[in-house]
Amino acid sequence: MALETPVELGLDNTGPDNLYSAVEAILMVADQPLSLSALAAALDRPVNEIRAIVHYLRDEYDGKLDSAEIAAGKVGRPRGYELREIGGGFRLYVRENFDWAVRLFLENDNPTKLSQAALETLAVIAYKQPISRGQVASIRAVNVDSVVRTLLSRGLITELYTDSESGAIHYGTSPLLLEKLGINSLDELPLISPFLPDAMSDFNVEL
């Protein structure tokens, strides 16, 4: 089905109030799925207007063309990212068949060692997965937002699922971590209980 153009949708995408770019900018920095109502509230626009923009962007990223472009013989090219509806909201993700490119970039662009905070957060996720960011923060008693983003960018952890009720994203370790550790499965991780004080006995789990 051909896409409706911005003009056909009744939206102004040429003036200073560039809603398409504004929605894209918000989606680029969001660390969790955003509902249409949240986007509408942030931009002070009607929800149906934001819905039209989001659906148009999603089709555009998937390489779908409008009727004029099809008539001109153009061929749509899917972007390296896609806009997914997940957990009651929308979020930008790397398109799955381009994961290899991102992995190569991260491996070559991030040779530095992980910080102590990142290592501790990675350990919590490894032993307690699946676990949400809030649960990790509760265990470590510090804000872990930036550290989780670092681990995601390195490809050491991955988003497993989004809780349908709370909207919280739950994380787990990735195959890349196993590769870096030289192990085949999480079963080969050492027992952590001998290294923990009694006060953290609730952290003791069996993998």
N, C-alpha and C. Protein backbone atom coordinates (compact mmCIF):
# COMPACT_ATOMS: atom_id res chain seq x y z
N MET A 1 0.84 -1.19 0.00
CA MET A 1 0.00 0.00 0.00
C MET A 1 0.88 1.24 0.00
N ALA A 2 0.56 2.23 -0.84
CA ALA A 2 1.38 3.43 -0.96
C ALA A 2 1.27 4.28 0.30
N LEU A 3 2.37 4.92 0.64
CA LEU A 3 2.40 5.80 1.79
C LEU A 3 1.71 7.11 1.48
N GLU A 4 1.04 7.68 2.45
CA GLU A 4 0.53 9.03 2.31
C GLU A 4 1.70 10.00 2.53
N THR A 5 1.73 11.05 1.77
CA THR A 5 2.79 12.03 1.93
C THR A 5 2.47 12.93 3.11
N PRO A 6 3.47 13.68 3.62
CA PRO A 6 3.21 14.61 4.72
C PRO A 6 2.10 15.60 4.40
N VAL A 7 2.04 16.07 3.16
CA VAL A 7 0.99 17.03 2.78
C VAL A 7 -0.38 16.37 2.86
N GLU A 8 -0.46 15.10 2.36
CA GLU A 8 -1.73 14.38 2.40
C GLU A 8 -2.18 14.11 3.82
N LEU A 9 -1.22 13.97 4.71
CA LEU A 9 -1.55 13.75 6.12
C LEU A 9 -1.95 15.04 6.81
N GLY A 10 -1.77 16.15 6.14
CA GLY A 10 -2.12 17.43 6.74
C GLY A 10 -1.10 17.92 7.73
N LEU A 11 0.16 17.49 7.59
CA LEU A 11 1.20 17.86 8.54
C LEU A 11 2.22 18.76 7.87
N ASP A 12 2.74 19.72 8.63
CA ASP A 12 3.74 20.63 8.10
C ASP A 12 5.12 20.10 8.43
N ASN A 13 5.83 19.60 7.39
CA ASN A 13 7.16 19.06 7.60
C ASN A 13 8.23 19.95 6.96
N THR A 14 7.86 21.17 6.64
CA THR A 14 8.81 22.06 5.98
C THR A 14 9.13 23.29 6.80
N GLY A 15 8.28 23.64 7.72
CA GLY A 15 8.47 24.84 8.52
C GLY A 15 9.39 24.61 9.70
N PRO A 16 9.51 25.61 10.57
CA PRO A 16 10.38 25.51 11.73
C PRO A 16 9.92 24.43 12.71
N ASP A 17 8.61 24.16 12.71
CA ASP A 17 8.09 23.13 13.61
C ASP A 17 8.15 21.78 12.91
N ASN A 18 9.36 21.27 12.74
CA ASN A 18 9.57 20.04 11.97
C ASN A 18 9.30 18.83 12.85
N LEU A 19 8.06 18.37 12.83
CA LEU A 19 7.66 17.31 13.75
C LEU A 19 8.32 15.97 13.43
N TYR A 20 8.54 15.70 12.16
CA TYR A 20 9.16 14.43 11.80
C TYR A 20 10.55 14.33 12.42
N SER A 21 11.33 15.37 12.23
CA SER A 21 12.69 15.36 12.79
C SER A 21 12.65 15.39 14.31
N ALA A 22 11.67 16.07 14.87
CA ALA A 22 11.55 16.13 16.33
C ALA A 22 11.27 14.75 16.91
N VAL A 23 10.35 14.01 16.27
CA VAL A 23 10.03 12.66 16.73
C VAL A 23 11.26 11.76 16.59
N GLU A 24 11.95 11.86 15.46
CA GLU A 24 13.17 11.06 15.26
C GLU A 24 14.21 11.38 16.33
N ALA A 25 14.39 12.65 16.64
CA ALA A 25 15.39 13.04 17.64
C ALA A 25 15.08 12.44 19.00
N ILE A 26 13.81 12.46 19.37
CA ILE A 26 13.42 11.89 20.67
C ILE A 26 13.64 10.38 20.67
N LEU A 27 13.26 9.72 19.59
CA LEU A 27 13.42 8.27 19.51
C LEU A 27 14.90 7.88 19.54
N MET A 28 15.77 8.71 19.00
CA MET A 28 17.19 8.40 18.97
C MET A 28 17.81 8.37 20.37
N VAL A 29 17.29 9.20 21.28
CA VAL A 29 17.89 9.28 22.62
C VAL A 29 17.13 8.47 23.66
N ALA A 30 15.96 7.97 23.30
CA ALA A 30 15.15 7.21 24.27
C ALA A 30 15.81 5.88 24.60
N ASP A 31 15.83 5.52 25.88
CA ASP A 31 16.42 4.24 26.29
C ASP A 31 15.35 3.21 26.62
N GLN A 32 14.09 3.53 26.29
CA GLN A 32 13.00 2.57 26.45
C GLN A 32 11.89 2.94 25.47
N PRO A 33 11.01 1.99 25.16
CA PRO A 33 9.93 2.30 24.21
C PRO A 33 9.08 3.47 24.69
N LEU A 34 8.71 4.34 23.76
CA LEU A 34 7.90 5.52 24.08
C LEU A 34 6.50 5.35 23.51
N SER A 35 5.50 5.57 24.33
CA SER A 35 4.12 5.49 23.87
C SER A 35 3.79 6.71 23.02
N LEU A 36 2.74 6.58 22.22
CA LEU A 36 2.30 7.70 21.40
C LEU A 36 1.88 8.88 22.28
N SER A 37 1.26 8.58 23.41
CA SER A 37 0.82 9.65 24.30
C SER A 37 2.01 10.39 24.90
N ALA A 38 3.11 9.65 25.18
CA ALA A 38 4.30 10.29 25.74
C ALA A 38 4.94 11.21 24.71
N LEU A 39 5.01 10.75 23.46
CA LEU A 39 5.56 11.58 22.39
C LEU A 39 4.68 12.81 22.16
N ALA A 40 3.36 12.60 22.18
CA ALA A 40 2.44 13.71 21.96
C ALA A 40 2.55 14.75 23.07
N ALA A 41 2.68 14.26 24.30
CA ALA A 41 2.80 15.18 25.43
C ALA A 41 4.10 15.97 25.36
N ALA A 42 5.19 15.29 24.97
CA ALA A 42 6.48 15.95 24.90
C ALA A 42 6.49 17.06 23.85
N LEU A 43 5.79 16.83 22.74
CA LEU A 43 5.79 17.80 21.64
C LEU A 43 4.55 18.68 21.63
N ASP A 44 3.65 18.44 22.59
CA ASP A 44 2.42 19.22 22.72
C ASP A 44 1.61 19.19 21.42
N ARG A 45 1.43 17.97 20.91
CA ARG A 45 0.65 17.78 19.68
C ARG A 45 -0.41 16.70 19.93
N PRO A 46 -1.46 16.64 19.12
CA PRO A 46 -2.48 15.61 19.27
C PRO A 46 -1.90 14.21 19.03
N VAL A 47 -2.45 13.23 19.73
CA VAL A 47 -1.96 11.86 19.61
C VAL A 47 -2.13 11.33 18.18
N ASN A 48 -3.27 11.65 17.53
CA ASN A 48 -3.48 11.13 16.18
C ASN A 48 -2.47 11.70 15.19
N GLU A 49 -1.99 12.91 15.44
CA GLU A 49 -0.97 13.51 14.58
C GLU A 49 0.36 12.78 14.76
N ILE A 50 0.71 12.48 16.01
CA ILE A 50 1.95 11.76 16.30
C ILE A 50 1.87 10.33 15.76
N ARG A 51 0.68 9.72 15.86
CA ARG A 51 0.51 8.36 15.34
C ARG A 51 0.79 8.33 13.83
N ALA A 52 0.28 9.31 13.11
CA ALA A 52 0.50 9.37 11.66
C ALA A 52 1.98 9.52 11.35
N ILE A 53 2.69 10.33 12.12
CA ILE A 53 4.13 10.53 11.91
C ILE A 53 4.90 9.25 12.17
N VAL A 54 4.61 8.59 13.30
CA VAL A 54 5.32 7.37 13.66
C VAL A 54 5.11 6.28 12.63
N HIS A 55 3.88 6.11 12.18
CA HIS A 55 3.59 5.07 11.18
C HIS A 55 4.26 5.41 9.85
N TYR A 56 4.29 6.67 9.49
CA TYR A 56 4.96 7.08 8.26
C TYR A 56 6.46 6.80 8.35
N LEU A 57 7.08 7.15 9.48
CA LEU A 57 8.51 6.92 9.66
C LEU A 57 8.83 5.43 9.61
N ARG A 58 7.99 4.62 10.26
CA ARG A 58 8.24 3.18 10.27
C ARG A 58 8.23 2.62 8.86
N ASP A 59 7.25 3.02 8.06
CA ASP A 59 7.20 2.55 6.67
C ASP A 59 8.38 3.08 5.86
N GLU A 60 8.75 4.32 6.11
CA GLU A 60 9.88 4.91 5.39
C GLU A 60 11.16 4.14 5.69
N TYR A 61 11.39 3.79 6.95
CA TYR A 61 12.58 3.05 7.33
C TYR A 61 12.60 1.65 6.72
N ASP A 62 11.41 1.09 6.49
CA ASP A 62 11.32 -0.24 5.90
C ASP A 62 11.47 -0.23 4.38
N GLY A 63 11.69 0.95 3.82
CA GLY A 63 11.92 1.04 2.38
C GLY A 63 10.67 1.08 1.54
N LYS A 64 9.52 1.34 2.17
CA LYS A 64 8.28 1.44 1.42
C LYS A 64 8.18 2.85 0.80
N LEU A 65 7.60 2.91 -0.39
CA LEU A 65 7.54 4.16 -1.13
C LEU A 65 6.12 4.67 -1.26
N ASP A 66 6.02 5.99 -1.51
CA ASP A 66 4.69 6.53 -1.79
C ASP A 66 4.38 6.35 -3.28
N SER A 67 3.16 6.67 -3.66
CA SER A 67 2.71 6.41 -5.04
C SER A 67 3.54 7.16 -6.07
N ALA A 68 3.95 8.39 -5.78
CA ALA A 68 4.74 9.17 -6.73
C ALA A 68 6.11 8.54 -6.97
N GLU A 69 6.72 8.05 -5.91
CA GLU A 69 8.04 7.41 -6.04
C GLU A 69 7.95 6.10 -6.80
N ILE A 70 6.89 5.34 -6.55
CA ILE A 70 6.68 4.08 -7.27
C ILE A 70 6.48 4.35 -8.76
N ALA A 71 5.70 5.39 -9.08
CA ALA A 71 5.45 5.73 -10.49
C ALA A 71 6.73 6.16 -11.18
N ALA A 72 7.68 6.74 -10.41
CA ALA A 72 8.95 7.19 -10.98
C ALA A 72 9.95 6.05 -11.13
N GLY A 73 9.56 4.85 -10.69
CA GLY A 73 10.43 3.68 -10.83
C GLY A 73 11.50 3.57 -9.77
N LYS A 74 11.37 4.30 -8.69
CA LYS A 74 12.37 4.23 -7.63
C LYS A 74 12.21 2.95 -6.83
N VAL A 75 13.30 2.52 -6.21
CA VAL A 75 13.31 1.32 -5.39
C VAL A 75 13.67 1.71 -3.97
N GLY A 76 12.84 1.32 -3.04
CA GLY A 76 13.10 1.67 -1.65
C GLY A 76 14.23 0.84 -1.06
N ARG A 77 15.05 1.48 -0.22
CA ARG A 77 16.14 0.77 0.46
C ARG A 77 15.90 0.81 1.96
N PRO A 78 15.71 -0.35 2.60
CA PRO A 78 15.53 -0.36 4.05
C PRO A 78 16.73 0.26 4.76
N ARG A 79 16.46 1.02 5.82
CA ARG A 79 17.53 1.63 6.60
C ARG A 79 18.25 0.56 7.43
N GLY A 80 19.38 0.94 8.01
CA GLY A 80 20.10 0.03 8.90
C GLY A 80 19.45 -0.08 10.25
N TYR A 81 18.39 0.68 10.45
CA TYR A 81 17.64 0.62 11.70
C TYR A 81 16.16 0.53 11.37
N GLU A 82 15.37 0.18 12.36
CA GLU A 82 13.93 0.06 12.16
C GLU A 82 13.21 0.59 13.39
N LEU A 83 11.97 0.95 13.20
CA LEU A 83 11.14 1.46 14.29
C LEU A 83 10.17 0.36 14.69
N ARG A 84 10.36 -0.16 15.89
CA ARG A 84 9.53 -1.28 16.36
C ARG A 84 8.53 -0.81 17.40
N GLU A 85 7.36 -1.44 17.38
CA GLU A 85 6.37 -1.24 18.43
C GLU A 85 6.54 -2.37 19.43
N ILE A 86 6.92 -2.02 20.65
CA ILE A 86 7.22 -3.04 21.66
C ILE A 86 6.91 -2.49 23.04
N GLY A 87 6.36 -3.33 23.90
CA GLY A 87 6.09 -2.92 25.28
C GLY A 87 5.16 -1.72 25.38
N GLY A 88 4.20 -1.60 24.44
CA GLY A 88 3.26 -0.49 24.49
C GLY A 88 3.80 0.82 23.98
N GLY A 89 4.95 0.80 23.30
CA GLY A 89 5.53 2.03 22.78
C GLY A 89 6.38 1.77 21.56
N PHE A 90 7.09 2.80 21.11
CA PHE A 90 7.92 2.70 19.92
C PHE A 90 9.36 3.02 20.27
N ARG A 91 10.30 2.33 19.59
CA ARG A 91 11.72 2.55 19.83
C ARG A 91 12.52 2.17 18.59
N LEU A 92 13.62 2.89 18.35
CA LEU A 92 14.50 2.56 17.23
C LEU A 92 15.44 1.43 17.61
N TYR A 93 15.61 0.49 16.69
CA TYR A 93 16.52 -0.64 16.90
C TYR A 93 17.37 -0.83 15.64
N VAL A 94 18.58 -1.36 15.83
CA VAL A 94 19.38 -1.77 14.68
C VAL A 94 18.64 -2.90 13.98
N ARG A 95 18.56 -2.84 12.65
CA ARG A 95 17.91 -3.92 11.90
C ARG A 95 18.73 -5.20 12.07
N GLU A 96 18.05 -6.30 12.36
CA GLU A 96 18.71 -7.54 12.76
C GLU A 96 19.79 -7.99 11.79
N ASN A 97 19.56 -7.86 10.49
CA ASN A 97 20.54 -8.35 9.54
C ASN A 97 21.77 -7.45 9.40
N PHE A 98 21.82 -6.38 10.23
CA PHE A 98 23.01 -5.54 10.25
C PHE A 98 23.70 -5.58 11.62
N ASP A 99 23.32 -6.53 12.45
CA ASP A 99 23.97 -6.70 13.76
C ASP A 99 25.47 -6.93 13.58
N TRP A 100 25.84 -7.65 12.52
CA TRP A 100 27.25 -7.97 12.29
C TRP A 100 28.08 -6.70 12.11
N ALA A 101 27.53 -5.70 11.44
CA ALA A 101 28.27 -4.47 11.19
C ALA A 101 28.49 -3.70 12.49
N VAL A 102 27.45 -3.63 13.31
CA VAL A 102 27.58 -2.94 14.59
C VAL A 102 28.58 -3.65 15.49
N ARG A 103 28.54 -4.99 15.47
CA ARG A 103 29.47 -5.77 16.30
C ARG A 103 30.91 -5.51 15.88
N LEU A 104 31.16 -5.49 14.58
CA LEU A 104 32.52 -5.21 14.10
C LEU A 104 32.98 -3.82 14.52
N PHE A 105 32.09 -2.85 14.41
CA PHE A 105 32.43 -1.48 14.78
C PHE A 105 32.76 -1.39 16.27
N LEU A 106 31.93 -2.01 17.10
CA LEU A 106 32.14 -1.93 18.54
C LEU A 106 33.42 -2.64 18.96
N GLU A 107 33.71 -3.76 18.32
CA GLU A 107 34.92 -4.49 18.67
C GLU A 107 36.17 -3.70 18.30
N ASN A 108 36.12 -2.95 17.21
CA ASN A 108 37.28 -2.19 16.76
C ASN A 108 37.36 -0.80 17.37
N ASP A 109 36.20 -0.28 17.80
CA ASP A 109 36.16 1.10 18.27
C ASP A 109 36.21 1.22 19.79
N ASN A 110 36.08 0.11 20.49
CA ASN A 110 36.06 0.16 21.96
C ASN A 110 37.09 -0.78 22.57
N PRO A 111 38.37 -0.51 22.35
CA PRO A 111 39.41 -1.40 22.87
C PRO A 111 39.71 -1.20 24.35
N THR A 112 39.17 -0.11 24.94
CA THR A 112 39.48 0.20 26.32
C THR A 112 38.84 -0.80 27.27
N LYS A 113 39.43 -0.90 28.45
CA LYS A 113 38.91 -1.82 29.45
C LYS A 113 37.64 -1.26 30.08
N LEU A 114 36.81 -2.15 30.61
CA LEU A 114 35.62 -1.73 31.31
C LEU A 114 35.99 -1.14 32.67
N SER A 115 35.21 -0.16 33.11
CA SER A 115 35.43 0.42 34.44
C SER A 115 34.99 -0.57 35.51
N GLN A 116 35.38 -0.30 36.75
CA GLN A 116 34.98 -1.16 37.87
C GLN A 116 33.46 -1.20 37.99
N ALA A 117 32.81 -0.02 37.79
CA ALA A 117 31.35 0.04 37.87
C ALA A 117 30.70 -0.82 36.80
N ALA A 118 31.28 -0.80 35.60
CA ALA A 118 30.73 -1.60 34.51
C ALA A 118 30.91 -3.10 34.78
N LEU A 119 32.07 -3.46 35.32
CA LEU A 119 32.32 -4.87 35.64
C LEU A 119 31.36 -5.37 36.72
N GLU A 120 31.12 -4.54 37.73
CA GLU A 120 30.20 -4.94 38.80
C GLU A 120 28.78 -5.08 38.27
N THR A 121 28.37 -4.15 37.42
CA THR A 121 27.03 -4.22 36.84
C THR A 121 26.90 -5.44 35.93
N LEU A 122 27.93 -5.72 35.17
CA LEU A 122 27.93 -6.89 34.29
C LEU A 122 27.82 -8.17 35.09
N ALA A 123 28.49 -8.22 36.25
CA ALA A 123 28.42 -9.41 37.11
C ALA A 123 27.01 -9.60 37.65
N VAL A 124 26.36 -8.51 38.05
CA VAL A 124 24.99 -8.60 38.56
C VAL A 124 24.07 -9.15 37.48
N ILE A 125 24.20 -8.62 36.27
CA ILE A 125 23.34 -9.07 35.17
C ILE A 125 23.63 -10.53 34.83
N ALA A 126 24.90 -10.90 34.83
CA ALA A 126 25.27 -12.28 34.47
C ALA A 126 24.67 -13.29 35.43
N TYR A 127 24.69 -12.97 36.73
CA TYR A 127 24.23 -13.94 37.72
C TYR A 127 22.74 -13.84 38.04
N LYS A 128 22.12 -12.71 37.72
CA LYS A 128 20.71 -12.53 38.11
C LYS A 128 19.76 -12.45 36.90
N GLN A 129 20.27 -12.59 35.69
CA GLN A 129 19.42 -12.43 34.51
C GLN A 129 18.29 -13.45 34.45
N PRO A 130 17.15 -13.05 33.87
CA PRO A 130 16.84 -11.72 33.33
C PRO A 130 16.57 -10.73 34.46
N ILE A 131 17.05 -9.51 34.29
CA ILE A 131 16.94 -8.52 35.36
C ILE A 131 16.75 -7.13 34.74
N SER A 132 15.94 -6.33 35.40
CA SER A 132 15.67 -4.98 34.89
C SER A 132 16.73 -4.01 35.39
N ARG A 133 16.79 -2.86 34.78
CA ARG A 133 17.75 -1.83 35.17
C ARG A 133 17.49 -1.37 36.61
N GLY A 134 16.20 -1.26 36.98
CA GLY A 134 15.87 -0.85 38.34
C GLY A 134 16.33 -1.86 39.37
N GLN A 135 16.21 -3.15 39.04
CA GLN A 135 16.66 -4.19 39.96
C GLN A 135 18.18 -4.17 40.11
N VAL A 136 18.88 -3.92 39.01
CA VAL A 136 20.34 -3.82 39.09
C VAL A 136 20.73 -2.65 39.97
N ALA A 137 20.05 -1.51 39.79
CA ALA A 137 20.34 -0.32 40.59
C ALA A 137 20.07 -0.58 42.06
N SER A 138 19.02 -1.35 42.35
CA SER A 138 18.69 -1.66 43.75
C SER A 138 19.78 -2.51 44.40
N ILE A 139 20.31 -3.47 43.65
CA ILE A 139 21.37 -4.34 44.18
C ILE A 139 22.66 -3.55 44.40
N ARG A 140 23.01 -2.69 43.43
CA ARG A 140 24.26 -1.94 43.51
C ARG A 140 24.13 -0.66 44.31
N ALA A 141 22.88 -0.25 44.58
CA ALA A 141 22.61 0.97 45.37
C ALA A 141 23.16 2.23 44.70
N VAL A 142 23.24 2.21 43.37
CA VAL A 142 23.66 3.39 42.60
C VAL A 142 22.89 3.41 41.29
N ASN A 143 22.89 4.57 40.63
CA ASN A 143 22.27 4.68 39.31
C ASN A 143 23.15 3.96 38.29
N VAL A 144 22.54 3.12 37.47
CA VAL A 144 23.32 2.32 36.53
C VAL A 144 22.95 2.60 35.07
N ASP A 145 22.22 3.67 34.83
CA ASP A 145 21.74 3.96 33.47
C ASP A 145 22.89 4.04 32.46
N SER A 146 23.89 4.86 32.76
CA SER A 146 24.99 5.04 31.81
C SER A 146 25.82 3.77 31.65
N VAL A 147 25.98 3.03 32.74
CA VAL A 147 26.76 1.80 32.69
C VAL A 147 26.05 0.75 31.83
N VAL A 148 24.73 0.64 31.98
CA VAL A 148 23.97 -0.31 31.17
C VAL A 148 24.07 0.06 29.69
N ARG A 149 24.01 1.36 29.39
CA ARG A 149 24.15 1.79 28.00
C ARG A 149 25.53 1.42 27.45
N THR A 150 26.56 1.54 28.30
CA THR A 150 27.91 1.16 27.87
C THR A 150 27.98 -0.32 27.56
N LEU A 151 27.41 -1.14 28.43
CA LEU A 151 27.44 -2.59 28.22
C LEU A 151 26.65 -2.99 26.98
N LEU A 152 25.54 -2.29 26.73
CA LEU A 152 24.77 -2.54 25.52
C LEU A 152 25.56 -2.16 24.27
N SER A 153 26.25 -1.01 24.34
CA SER A 153 27.01 -0.56 23.18
C SER A 153 28.18 -1.47 22.88
N ARG A 154 28.72 -2.11 23.93
CA ARG A 154 29.82 -3.06 23.72
C ARG A 154 29.32 -4.42 23.25
N GLY A 155 28.02 -4.63 23.29
CA GLY A 155 27.46 -5.90 22.86
C GLY A 155 27.60 -7.01 23.89
N LEU A 156 27.89 -6.63 25.16
CA LEU A 156 28.09 -7.64 26.21
C LEU A 156 26.78 -8.08 26.85
N ILE A 157 25.77 -7.23 26.79
CA ILE A 157 24.44 -7.60 27.28
C ILE A 157 23.44 -7.30 26.18
N THR A 158 22.24 -7.82 26.35
CA THR A 158 21.21 -7.63 25.34
C THR A 158 19.86 -7.50 26.02
N GLU A 159 18.90 -6.90 25.34
CA GLU A 159 17.55 -6.77 25.86
C GLU A 159 16.82 -8.08 25.59
N LEU A 160 16.34 -8.72 26.65
CA LEU A 160 15.66 -10.01 26.50
C LEU A 160 14.17 -9.85 26.23
N TYR A 161 13.51 -9.01 27.03
CA TYR A 161 12.08 -8.77 26.83
C TYR A 161 11.66 -7.54 27.62
N THR A 162 10.47 -7.06 27.32
CA THR A 162 9.90 -5.92 28.04
C THR A 162 8.69 -6.39 28.83
N ASP A 163 8.67 -6.11 30.11
CA ASP A 163 7.55 -6.50 30.96
C ASP A 163 6.28 -5.81 30.48
N SER A 164 5.24 -6.58 30.24
CA SER A 164 4.01 -6.02 29.66
C SER A 164 3.29 -5.10 30.63
N GLU A 165 3.48 -5.28 31.94
CA GLU A 165 2.78 -4.45 32.92
C GLU A 165 3.57 -3.21 33.30
N SER A 166 4.84 -3.38 33.63
CA SER A 166 5.65 -2.25 34.09
C SER A 166 6.35 -1.51 32.96
N GLY A 167 6.53 -2.18 31.81
CA GLY A 167 7.27 -1.57 30.71
C GLY A 167 8.77 -1.63 30.89
N ALA A 168 9.22 -2.29 31.97
CA ALA A 168 10.66 -2.36 32.25
C ALA A 168 11.34 -3.37 31.32
N ILE A 169 12.45 -2.97 30.76
CA ILE A 169 13.22 -3.86 29.90
C ILE A 169 14.10 -4.75 30.77
N HIS A 170 14.12 -6.04 30.48
CA HIS A 170 14.94 -6.99 31.22
C HIS A 170 16.14 -7.39 30.36
N TYR A 171 17.29 -7.42 31.02
CA TYR A 171 18.55 -7.65 30.31
C TYR A 171 19.15 -9.01 30.66
N GLY A 172 19.99 -9.48 29.75
CA GLY A 172 20.76 -10.69 29.97
C GLY A 172 22.08 -10.56 29.23
N THR A 173 22.97 -11.49 29.45
CA THR A 173 24.26 -11.44 28.78
C THR A 173 24.14 -11.95 27.35
N SER A 174 25.07 -11.56 26.51
CA SER A 174 25.05 -11.91 25.09
C SER A 174 26.04 -13.03 24.80
N PRO A 175 25.93 -13.67 23.63
CA PRO A 175 26.93 -14.67 23.22
C PRO A 175 28.34 -14.08 23.16
N LEU A 176 28.45 -12.79 22.87
CA LEU A 176 29.76 -12.15 22.81
C LEU A 176 30.47 -12.22 24.15
N LEU A 177 29.72 -12.08 25.25
CA LEU A 177 30.35 -12.16 26.57
C LEU A 177 30.93 -13.55 26.81
N LEU A 178 30.17 -14.57 26.43
CA LEU A 178 30.68 -15.94 26.59
C LEU A 178 31.97 -16.12 25.79
N GLU A 179 31.97 -15.53 24.59
CA GLU A 179 33.15 -15.61 23.74
C GLU A 179 34.34 -14.91 24.39
N LYS A 180 34.10 -13.74 24.96
CA LYS A 180 35.17 -12.98 25.61
C LYS A 180 35.71 -13.71 26.84
N LEU A 181 34.81 -14.41 27.56
CA LEU A 181 35.21 -15.13 28.76
C LEU A 181 35.80 -16.50 28.44
N GLY A 182 35.62 -16.95 27.20
CA GLY A 182 36.15 -18.24 26.80
C GLY A 182 35.37 -19.41 27.36
N ILE A 183 34.05 -19.23 27.55
CA ILE A 183 33.21 -20.30 28.07
C ILE A 183 32.08 -20.57 27.08
N ASN A 184 31.45 -21.73 27.22
CA ASN A 184 30.40 -22.12 26.29
C ASN A 184 29.00 -21.78 26.77
N SER A 185 28.82 -21.67 28.09
CA SER A 185 27.51 -21.37 28.64
C SER A 185 27.65 -20.74 30.01
N LEU A 186 26.56 -20.18 30.50
CA LEU A 186 26.56 -19.55 31.83
C LEU A 186 26.80 -20.58 32.93
N ASP A 187 26.56 -21.84 32.64
CA ASP A 187 26.81 -22.89 33.64
C ASP A 187 28.27 -22.94 34.06
N GLU A 188 29.14 -22.42 33.22
CA GLU A 188 30.57 -22.46 33.51
C GLU A 188 31.06 -21.27 34.34
N LEU A 189 30.16 -20.33 34.63
CA LEU A 189 30.55 -19.22 35.51
C LEU A 189 30.85 -19.76 36.90
N PRO A 190 31.85 -19.21 37.60
CA PRO A 190 32.17 -19.70 38.94
C PRO A 190 31.07 -19.35 39.93
N LEU A 191 30.93 -20.15 40.99
CA LEU A 191 29.97 -19.83 42.03
C LEU A 191 30.36 -18.51 42.67
N ILE A 192 29.36 -17.67 42.89
CA ILE A 192 29.65 -16.34 43.43
C ILE A 192 29.48 -16.28 44.94
N SER A 193 28.80 -17.24 45.53
CA SER A 193 28.51 -17.20 46.97
C SER A 193 29.75 -17.09 47.85
N PRO A 194 30.88 -17.74 47.53
CA PRO A 194 32.04 -17.60 48.42
C PRO A 194 32.60 -16.18 48.50
N PHE A 195 32.26 -15.33 47.54
CA PHE A 195 32.81 -13.98 47.50
C PHE A 195 31.87 -12.93 48.07
N LEU A 196 30.68 -13.35 48.53
CA LEU A 196 29.68 -12.39 48.99
C LEU A 196 29.52 -12.41 50.50
N PRO A 197 29.31 -11.23 51.12
CA PRO A 197 29.01 -11.18 52.55
C PRO A 197 27.61 -11.71 52.80
N ASP A 198 27.34 -12.08 54.05
CA ASP A 198 26.03 -12.64 54.39
C ASP A 198 24.89 -11.69 54.05
N ALA A 199 25.16 -10.39 54.12
CA ALA A 199 24.11 -9.40 53.87
C ALA A 199 23.58 -9.47 52.44
N MET A 200 24.36 -10.08 51.55
CA MET A 200 23.93 -10.17 50.16
C MET A 200 23.61 -11.60 49.77
N SER A 201 23.17 -12.39 50.72
CA SER A 201 22.89 -13.80 50.46
C SER A 201 21.77 -13.97 49.45
N ASP A 202 20.92 -12.91 49.30
CA ASP A 202 19.84 -13.04 48.34
C ASP A 202 20.34 -13.02 46.91
N PHE A 203 21.60 -12.66 46.75
CA PHE A 203 22.20 -12.63 45.42
C PHE A 203 22.64 -14.01 44.98
N ASN A 204 22.70 -14.97 45.93
CA ASN A 204 23.17 -16.31 45.65
C ASN A 204 22.15 -17.07 44.81
N VAL A 205 22.51 -17.38 43.60
CA VAL A 205 21.59 -18.10 42.71
C VAL A 205 22.30 -19.27 42.07
N GLU A 206 21.53 -20.21 41.59
CA GLU A 206 22.09 -21.32 40.85
C GLU A 206 21.76 -21.13 39.39
N LEU A 207 22.76 -21.24 38.55
CA LEU A 207 22.56 -21.08 37.11
C LEU A 207 22.34 -22.43 36.46
